């Protein structure tokens, strides 16, 4: 059995996405413990993702999604990020800042590399 060299990044990404989903649930302001625990998990997983050296296009893509999530406060963008919805960002085109367009282009390239490797 072959182990994915980015298994740690991918596991951290799934935990990060799950914690973001919990964090983004509307709740009473009195429910700070759940929000704080989710934010602690988000930060811990972002640390794992940031400190890792990716070995696959998917690992790099995860790092770019993490960057993109930290660079926007738009709810629709955040939801698309959590889904890994590259098409959403491609369709925004010129409506994004320059750095976001570069990240989206890099992710599109990475996905093309993954498709090419599978062929």
N, C-alpha and C. Protein backbone atom coordinates (compact mmCIF):
# COMPACT_ATOMS: atom_id res chain seq x y z
N UNK A 1 0.84 -1.17 0.00
CA UNK A 1 0.00 0.00 0.00
C UNK A 1 0.89 1.24 0.00
N UNK A 2 0.61 2.17 -0.91
CA UNK A 2 1.38 3.40 -1.02
C UNK A 2 0.76 4.46 -0.11
N UNK A 3 1.60 5.11 0.67
CA UNK A 3 1.15 6.19 1.55
C UNK A 3 1.33 7.51 0.81
N UNK A 4 0.30 8.33 0.84
CA UNK A 4 0.37 9.64 0.21
C UNK A 4 1.38 10.49 0.96
N UNK A 5 2.36 11.06 0.27
CA UNK A 5 3.36 11.87 0.97
C UNK A 5 2.77 13.14 1.62
N UNK A 6 1.58 13.52 1.22
CA UNK A 6 0.90 14.67 1.81
C UNK A 6 -0.23 14.26 2.75
N UNK A 7 -0.16 13.06 3.28
CA UNK A 7 -1.23 12.56 4.16
C UNK A 7 -1.45 13.51 5.33
N UNK A 8 -0.40 14.05 5.92
CA UNK A 8 -0.54 14.96 7.04
C UNK A 8 -1.25 16.25 6.67
N UNK A 9 -0.88 16.80 5.51
CA UNK A 9 -1.53 18.03 5.03
C UNK A 9 -3.00 17.76 4.74
N UNK A 10 -3.28 16.64 4.09
CA UNK A 10 -4.66 16.33 3.72
C UNK A 10 -5.52 16.08 4.95
N UNK A 11 -4.97 15.41 5.95
CA UNK A 11 -5.72 15.18 7.20
C UNK A 11 -5.96 16.51 7.92
N UNK A 12 -4.95 17.36 7.95
CA UNK A 12 -5.11 18.68 8.58
C UNK A 12 -6.17 19.50 7.84
N UNK A 13 -6.18 19.39 6.51
CA UNK A 13 -7.15 20.12 5.70
C UNK A 13 -8.58 19.68 6.03
N UNK A 14 -8.79 18.38 6.15
CA UNK A 14 -10.14 17.91 6.49
C UNK A 14 -10.56 18.37 7.89
N UNK A 15 -9.64 18.34 8.83
CA UNK A 15 -9.95 18.84 10.18
C UNK A 15 -10.20 20.34 10.15
N UNK A 16 -9.42 21.06 9.36
CA UNK A 16 -9.58 22.51 9.21
C UNK A 16 -10.95 22.84 8.64
N UNK A 17 -11.35 22.13 7.60
CA UNK A 17 -12.66 22.36 6.99
C UNK A 17 -13.79 22.06 7.97
N UNK A 18 -13.65 20.98 8.73
CA UNK A 18 -14.69 20.63 9.71
C UNK A 18 -14.77 21.70 10.80
N UNK A 19 -13.63 22.20 11.25
CA UNK A 19 -13.62 23.23 12.28
C UNK A 19 -14.21 24.54 11.75
N UNK A 20 -13.92 24.88 10.48
CA UNK A 20 -14.51 26.08 9.88
C UNK A 20 -16.03 25.96 9.82
N UNK A 21 -16.52 24.78 9.48
CA UNK A 21 -17.97 24.58 9.42
C UNK A 21 -18.61 24.80 10.79
N UNK A 22 -17.96 24.32 11.83
CA UNK A 22 -18.47 24.54 13.19
C UNK A 22 -18.39 26.02 13.55
N UNK A 23 -17.27 26.63 13.26
CA UNK A 23 -17.06 28.04 13.60
C UNK A 23 -18.08 28.94 12.92
N UNK A 24 -18.44 28.63 11.70
CA UNK A 24 -19.33 29.49 10.92
C UNK A 24 -20.81 29.28 11.18
N UNK A 25 -21.17 28.35 12.06
CA UNK A 25 -22.58 28.15 12.40
C UNK A 25 -23.04 29.34 13.24
N UNK A 26 -24.12 30.00 12.83
CA UNK A 26 -24.63 31.10 13.67
C UNK A 26 -25.03 30.57 15.04
N UNK A 27 -24.64 31.29 16.07
CA UNK A 27 -24.97 30.87 17.43
C UNK A 27 -25.13 32.09 18.30
N UNK A 28 -25.69 31.85 19.49
CA UNK A 28 -25.81 32.92 20.47
C UNK A 28 -24.42 33.39 20.86
N UNK A 29 -24.29 34.64 21.08
CA UNK A 29 -22.99 35.18 21.50
C UNK A 29 -22.55 34.60 22.84
N UNK A 30 -23.47 34.01 23.60
CA UNK A 30 -23.11 33.40 24.88
C UNK A 30 -22.41 32.07 24.71
N UNK A 31 -22.41 31.53 23.49
CA UNK A 31 -21.84 30.21 23.22
C UNK A 31 -20.39 30.35 22.73
N UNK A 32 -19.58 31.06 23.47
CA UNK A 32 -18.21 31.33 23.06
C UNK A 32 -17.30 30.11 23.15
N UNK A 33 -17.62 29.14 24.00
CA UNK A 33 -16.75 27.98 24.16
C UNK A 33 -16.64 27.17 22.87
N UNK A 34 -17.75 26.97 22.18
CA UNK A 34 -17.74 26.22 20.93
C UNK A 34 -16.95 26.99 19.88
N UNK A 35 -17.20 28.28 19.80
CA UNK A 35 -16.49 29.12 18.83
C UNK A 35 -14.99 29.13 19.12
N UNK A 36 -14.62 29.26 20.36
CA UNK A 36 -13.19 29.28 20.75
C UNK A 36 -12.52 27.95 20.44
N UNK A 37 -13.20 26.84 20.75
CA UNK A 37 -12.63 25.52 20.48
C UNK A 37 -12.45 25.31 18.98
N UNK A 38 -13.43 25.76 18.19
CA UNK A 38 -13.31 25.64 16.73
C UNK A 38 -12.15 26.49 16.22
N UNK A 39 -12.02 27.72 16.73
CA UNK A 39 -10.93 28.58 16.29
C UNK A 39 -9.58 28.00 16.69
N UNK A 40 -9.50 27.40 17.86
CA UNK A 40 -8.25 26.74 18.27
C UNK A 40 -7.88 25.63 17.30
N UNK A 41 -8.88 24.85 16.87
CA UNK A 41 -8.64 23.77 15.92
C UNK A 41 -8.24 24.34 14.56
N UNK A 42 -8.91 25.39 14.12
CA UNK A 42 -8.57 26.03 12.85
C UNK A 42 -7.11 26.47 12.87
N UNK A 43 -6.72 27.16 13.92
CA UNK A 43 -5.34 27.66 14.02
C UNK A 43 -4.33 26.52 14.08
N UNK A 44 -4.65 25.47 14.81
CA UNK A 44 -3.73 24.33 14.91
C UNK A 44 -3.55 23.67 13.55
N UNK A 45 -4.63 23.47 12.83
CA UNK A 45 -4.55 22.81 11.53
C UNK A 45 -3.87 23.71 10.50
N UNK A 46 -4.12 25.02 10.58
CA UNK A 46 -3.42 25.94 9.68
C UNK A 46 -1.92 25.88 9.94
N UNK A 47 -1.52 25.71 11.19
CA UNK A 47 -0.11 25.57 11.51
C UNK A 47 0.51 24.35 10.86
N UNK A 48 -0.21 23.23 10.91
CA UNK A 48 0.27 22.00 10.26
C UNK A 48 0.40 22.21 8.76
N UNK A 49 -0.63 22.80 8.16
CA UNK A 49 -0.64 23.03 6.71
C UNK A 49 0.49 23.98 6.31
N UNK A 50 0.69 25.02 7.09
CA UNK A 50 1.71 26.03 6.77
C UNK A 50 3.12 25.49 6.95
N UNK A 51 3.34 24.68 7.95
CA UNK A 51 4.69 24.20 8.24
C UNK A 51 5.14 23.04 7.35
N UNK A 52 4.17 22.39 6.72
CA UNK A 52 4.50 21.23 5.89
C UNK A 52 5.10 21.67 4.56
N UNK A 53 5.91 20.82 4.00
CA UNK A 53 6.39 21.00 2.63
C UNK A 53 5.62 20.01 1.78
N UNK A 54 4.75 20.55 0.93
CA UNK A 54 3.91 19.69 0.11
C UNK A 54 4.75 18.94 -0.92
N UNK A 55 4.32 17.71 -1.21
CA UNK A 55 5.02 16.88 -2.18
C UNK A 55 4.17 16.55 -3.40
N UNK A 56 2.91 16.98 -3.37
CA UNK A 56 1.99 16.70 -4.47
C UNK A 56 1.23 17.97 -4.84
N UNK A 57 0.68 18.03 -6.06
CA UNK A 57 -0.15 19.18 -6.43
C UNK A 57 -1.31 19.38 -5.45
N UNK A 58 -1.92 18.31 -4.98
CA UNK A 58 -3.04 18.44 -4.04
C UNK A 58 -2.59 19.08 -2.74
N UNK A 59 -1.42 18.72 -2.25
CA UNK A 59 -0.90 19.33 -1.03
C UNK A 59 -0.68 20.82 -1.18
N UNK A 60 -0.15 21.22 -2.33
CA UNK A 60 0.05 22.65 -2.59
C UNK A 60 -1.30 23.34 -2.70
N UNK A 61 -2.25 22.71 -3.35
CA UNK A 61 -3.59 23.29 -3.49
C UNK A 61 -4.20 23.54 -2.11
N UNK A 62 -4.04 22.61 -1.20
CA UNK A 62 -4.55 22.78 0.16
C UNK A 62 -3.94 24.03 0.80
N UNK A 63 -2.65 24.20 0.63
CA UNK A 63 -1.99 25.38 1.20
C UNK A 63 -2.54 26.66 0.58
N UNK A 64 -2.84 26.63 -0.71
CA UNK A 64 -3.40 27.81 -1.37
C UNK A 64 -4.83 28.09 -0.92
N UNK A 65 -5.64 27.05 -0.71
CA UNK A 65 -7.00 27.25 -0.19
C UNK A 65 -6.93 27.89 1.19
N UNK A 66 -5.98 27.45 1.99
CA UNK A 66 -5.84 28.00 3.33
C UNK A 66 -5.47 29.48 3.26
N UNK A 67 -4.55 29.82 2.37
CA UNK A 67 -4.21 31.22 2.16
C UNK A 67 -5.44 32.02 1.74
N UNK A 68 -6.17 31.51 0.75
CA UNK A 68 -7.31 32.23 0.21
C UNK A 68 -8.36 32.47 1.29
N UNK A 69 -8.59 31.49 2.13
CA UNK A 69 -9.58 31.64 3.20
C UNK A 69 -9.16 32.74 4.17
N UNK A 70 -7.89 32.88 4.38
CA UNK A 70 -7.39 33.90 5.30
C UNK A 70 -7.29 35.28 4.66
N UNK A 71 -7.56 35.37 3.37
CA UNK A 71 -7.44 36.66 2.69
C UNK A 71 -8.80 37.26 2.32
N UNK A 72 -9.88 36.60 2.69
CA UNK A 72 -11.20 37.13 2.35
C UNK A 72 -12.11 37.10 3.57
N UNK A 73 -13.06 38.02 3.58
CA UNK A 73 -14.07 38.01 4.63
C UNK A 73 -15.47 37.86 4.03
N UNK A 74 -15.52 37.65 2.73
CA UNK A 74 -16.79 37.49 2.03
C UNK A 74 -17.37 36.11 2.32
N UNK A 75 -18.62 36.06 2.79
CA UNK A 75 -19.24 34.80 3.18
C UNK A 75 -19.37 33.83 2.01
N UNK A 76 -19.77 34.31 0.85
CA UNK A 76 -19.91 33.43 -0.31
C UNK A 76 -18.55 32.86 -0.72
N UNK A 77 -17.52 33.70 -0.67
CA UNK A 77 -16.16 33.22 -0.96
C UNK A 77 -15.74 32.15 0.04
N UNK A 78 -16.00 32.41 1.32
CA UNK A 78 -15.62 31.45 2.35
C UNK A 78 -16.32 30.11 2.17
N UNK A 79 -17.59 30.15 1.81
CA UNK A 79 -18.33 28.91 1.58
C UNK A 79 -17.74 28.15 0.40
N UNK A 80 -17.38 28.87 -0.67
CA UNK A 80 -16.77 28.22 -1.84
C UNK A 80 -15.42 27.63 -1.48
N UNK A 81 -14.66 28.33 -0.65
CA UNK A 81 -13.36 27.82 -0.20
C UNK A 81 -13.54 26.52 0.57
N UNK A 82 -14.50 26.50 1.47
CA UNK A 82 -14.73 25.30 2.27
C UNK A 82 -15.17 24.11 1.41
N UNK A 83 -15.80 24.39 0.27
CA UNK A 83 -16.20 23.32 -0.66
C UNK A 83 -15.06 22.95 -1.60
N UNK A 84 -14.03 23.79 -1.65
CA UNK A 84 -12.96 23.57 -2.63
C UNK A 84 -13.46 23.84 -4.04
N UNK A 85 -14.32 24.83 -4.18
CA UNK A 85 -15.03 25.12 -5.42
C UNK A 85 -14.22 26.09 -6.29
N UNK A 86 -13.28 25.55 -7.03
CA UNK A 86 -12.44 26.37 -7.89
C UNK A 86 -13.25 27.05 -8.99
N UNK A 87 -14.27 26.37 -9.52
CA UNK A 87 -15.09 26.96 -10.59
C UNK A 87 -15.74 28.27 -10.14
N UNK A 88 -16.15 28.33 -8.87
CA UNK A 88 -16.73 29.56 -8.33
C UNK A 88 -15.76 30.73 -8.50
N UNK A 89 -14.50 30.51 -8.16
CA UNK A 89 -13.51 31.58 -8.24
C UNK A 89 -13.12 31.88 -9.68
N UNK A 90 -13.05 30.87 -10.51
CA UNK A 90 -12.75 31.10 -11.93
C UNK A 90 -13.84 31.98 -12.54
N UNK A 91 -15.09 31.74 -12.17
CA UNK A 91 -16.20 32.52 -12.72
C UNK A 91 -16.19 33.97 -12.25
N UNK A 92 -15.53 34.26 -11.13
CA UNK A 92 -15.43 35.64 -10.64
C UNK A 92 -14.46 36.48 -11.46
N UNK A 93 -13.49 35.82 -12.08
CA UNK A 93 -12.54 36.49 -12.97
C UNK A 93 -11.99 37.79 -12.43
N UNK A 94 -12.24 38.87 -13.16
CA UNK A 94 -11.71 40.18 -12.82
C UNK A 94 -12.32 40.81 -11.58
N UNK A 95 -13.32 40.18 -10.99
CA UNK A 95 -13.91 40.71 -9.76
C UNK A 95 -13.06 40.42 -8.54
N UNK A 96 -11.95 39.72 -8.72
CA UNK A 96 -11.07 39.40 -7.61
C UNK A 96 -9.86 40.32 -7.63
N UNK A 97 -9.24 40.46 -6.46
CA UNK A 97 -7.97 41.18 -6.39
C UNK A 97 -6.90 40.39 -7.13
N UNK A 98 -5.82 41.08 -7.48
CA UNK A 98 -4.74 40.47 -8.25
C UNK A 98 -4.18 39.23 -7.55
N UNK A 99 -3.92 39.31 -6.25
CA UNK A 99 -3.34 38.16 -5.55
C UNK A 99 -4.28 36.96 -5.55
N UNK A 100 -5.58 37.21 -5.47
CA UNK A 100 -6.55 36.11 -5.52
C UNK A 100 -6.57 35.48 -6.91
N UNK A 101 -6.49 36.31 -7.96
CA UNK A 101 -6.47 35.77 -9.32
C UNK A 101 -5.24 34.90 -9.55
N UNK A 102 -4.11 35.30 -8.99
CA UNK A 102 -2.89 34.49 -9.12
C UNK A 102 -3.03 33.15 -8.40
N UNK A 103 -3.62 33.17 -7.22
CA UNK A 103 -3.83 31.93 -6.47
C UNK A 103 -4.78 31.02 -7.22
N UNK A 104 -5.85 31.55 -7.75
CA UNK A 104 -6.81 30.75 -8.52
C UNK A 104 -6.14 30.16 -9.75
N UNK A 105 -5.33 30.95 -10.45
CA UNK A 105 -4.60 30.43 -11.62
C UNK A 105 -3.66 29.31 -11.22
N UNK A 106 -2.97 29.47 -10.10
CA UNK A 106 -2.07 28.41 -9.63
C UNK A 106 -2.84 27.14 -9.29
N UNK A 107 -3.99 27.28 -8.64
CA UNK A 107 -4.79 26.09 -8.32
C UNK A 107 -5.31 25.41 -9.58
N UNK A 108 -5.71 26.19 -10.56
CA UNK A 108 -6.16 25.60 -11.83
C UNK A 108 -5.01 24.83 -12.48
N UNK A 109 -3.81 25.38 -12.42
CA UNK A 109 -2.64 24.69 -12.98
C UNK A 109 -2.37 23.38 -12.22
N UNK A 110 -2.47 23.44 -10.91
CA UNK A 110 -2.25 22.24 -10.10
C UNK A 110 -3.27 21.15 -10.42
N UNK A 111 -4.52 21.55 -10.59
CA UNK A 111 -5.54 20.56 -10.94
C UNK A 111 -5.27 19.97 -12.32
N UNK A 112 -4.81 20.79 -13.24
CA UNK A 112 -4.47 20.28 -14.58
C UNK A 112 -3.33 19.28 -14.48
N UNK A 113 -2.35 19.56 -13.63
CA UNK A 113 -1.24 18.62 -13.41
C UNK A 113 -1.75 17.29 -12.87
N UNK A 114 -2.68 17.36 -11.94
CA UNK A 114 -3.24 16.14 -11.36
C UNK A 114 -3.98 15.31 -12.41
N UNK A 115 -4.72 15.99 -13.27
CA UNK A 115 -5.43 15.27 -14.35
C UNK A 115 -4.44 14.65 -15.31
N UNK A 116 -3.37 15.38 -15.62
CA UNK A 116 -2.34 14.87 -16.52
C UNK A 116 -1.63 13.67 -15.96
N UNK A 117 -1.42 13.66 -14.64
CA UNK A 117 -0.75 12.53 -13.99
C UNK A 117 -1.63 11.29 -13.97
N UNK A 118 -2.95 11.50 -13.95
CA UNK A 118 -3.88 10.39 -13.90
C UNK A 118 -4.07 9.75 -15.27
N UNK A 119 -3.74 10.49 -16.32
CA UNK A 119 -3.96 9.99 -17.69
C UNK A 119 -2.98 8.92 -18.07
